[in-house]
Amino acid sequence: MHIFYSGHVQGVGFRYTAKAAAAGFEVTGMVRNLPDSRVELIAEGAREELEAFRQAVREAGLAHFIRDEKVTWTGAQNEFRGFDIVQ
């Protein structure tokens, strides 16, 4: 699952909240701020875990900061260990 979030998503603890939410799911991946003020999130895992994680991110107090959420689905590349914040 590859998501680009836009809105007021930087400077509000978005990355840290996403990382904390990931701890409750069987997912791996990363989250990072982009220079164009969006946040990029990549997560790998079972589809139902990813959908639940995506919903948990919104329900963790971030929904009102998100104006748009562009999601694409691709096959897992198995490139992540854990879920990290990338600078």
Protein backbone atom coordinates (compact mmCIF):
# COMPACT_ATOMS: atom_id res chain seq x y z
CA MET A 1 0.00 0.00 0.00
CA HIS A 2 1.45 3.34 -1.05
CA ILE A 3 -0.30 6.49 0.19
CA PHE A 4 0.33 10.18 -0.41
CA TYR A 5 -1.44 12.35 2.16
CA SER A 6 -2.01 16.05 1.53
CA GLY A 7 -3.55 18.78 3.61
CA HIS A 8 -2.12 20.08 6.88
CA VAL A 9 -0.13 16.87 7.42
CA GLN A 10 3.33 18.16 8.33
CA GLY A 11 4.20 19.63 11.70
CA VAL A 12 1.27 17.94 13.46
CA GLY A 13 2.89 14.68 14.60
CA PHE A 14 1.59 12.76 11.61
CA ARG A 15 4.66 10.55 11.14
CA TYR A 16 4.94 9.70 14.83
CA THR A 17 1.23 8.92 15.08
CA ALA A 18 1.44 6.67 11.99
CA LYS A 19 4.43 4.84 13.47
CA ALA A 20 2.60 4.34 16.77
CA ALA A 21 -0.49 3.06 14.93
CA ALA A 22 1.64 0.60 12.94
CA ALA A 23 2.74 -1.08 16.18
CA GLY A 24 -0.75 -2.54 16.53
CA PHE A 25 -0.69 -4.28 13.15
CA GLU A 26 1.29 -6.90 11.28
CA VAL A 27 2.71 -4.36 8.82
CA THR A 28 6.14 -3.13 7.82
CA GLY A 29 7.04 0.05 5.99
CA MET A 30 7.94 3.67 6.36
CA VAL A 31 6.52 7.17 6.57
CA ARG A 32 8.21 10.44 5.61
CA ASN A 33 7.62 14.10 4.89
CA LEU A 34 8.05 15.23 1.29
CA PRO A 35 9.40 18.62 0.19
CA ASP A 36 6.03 19.51 -1.41
CA SER A 37 4.32 19.36 2.05
CA ARG A 38 2.75 15.93 1.53
CA VAL A 39 3.42 12.84 3.65
CA GLU A 40 4.30 9.54 1.97
CA LEU A 41 3.48 6.23 3.64
CA ILE A 42 4.44 2.80 2.30
CA ALA A 43 3.25 -0.31 4.13
CA GLU A 44 3.44 -4.00 3.39
CA GLY A 45 1.38 -6.79 4.88
CA ALA A 46 -1.87 -8.67 4.38
CA ARG A 47 -4.55 -6.59 2.65
CA GLU A 48 -6.93 -6.68 5.64
CA GLU A 49 -4.13 -5.59 8.01
CA LEU A 50 -3.22 -2.74 5.67
CA GLU A 51 -6.83 -1.56 5.39
CA ALA A 52 -7.22 -1.67 9.18
CA PHE A 53 -3.92 0.19 9.64
CA ARG A 54 -4.99 2.85 7.13
CA GLN A 55 -8.23 3.36 9.07
CA ALA A 56 -6.35 3.44 12.39
CA VAL A 57 -4.13 6.26 11.09
CA ARG A 58 -7.22 8.34 10.33
CA GLU A 59 -8.88 7.47 13.66
CA ALA A 60 -5.75 8.34 15.66
CA GLY A 61 -6.71 12.01 15.45
CA LEU A 62 -5.28 12.69 11.98
CA ALA A 63 -8.44 12.64 9.84
CA HIS A 64 -9.12 16.36 10.18
CA PHE A 65 -5.60 17.20 8.91
CA ILE A 66 -6.00 15.10 5.75
CA ARG A 67 -7.46 16.86 2.72
CA ASP A 68 -6.62 14.12 0.22
CA GLU A 69 -5.35 10.56 0.38
CA LYS A 70 -4.07 8.96 -2.83
CA VAL A 71 -3.70 5.19 -2.39
CA THR A 72 -2.15 2.71 -4.79
CA TRP A 73 -1.79 -1.03 -4.28
CA THR A 74 1.17 -3.02 -5.54
CA GLY A 75 2.80 -6.32 -4.70
CA ALA A 76 5.02 -6.39 -1.61
CA GLN A 77 8.74 -5.96 -2.25
CA ASN A 78 9.75 -7.25 1.22
CA GLU A 79 12.15 -4.32 1.58
CA PHE A 80 11.21 -3.26 5.11
CA ARG A 81 11.93 -4.56 8.60
CA GLY A 82 9.59 -2.93 11.06
CA PHE A 83 7.90 0.40 10.48
CA ASP A 84 10.14 3.46 10.50
CA ILE A 85 10.12 7.20 10.13
CA VAL A 86 12.44 8.22 7.30
CA GLN A 87 13.98 11.68 7.37
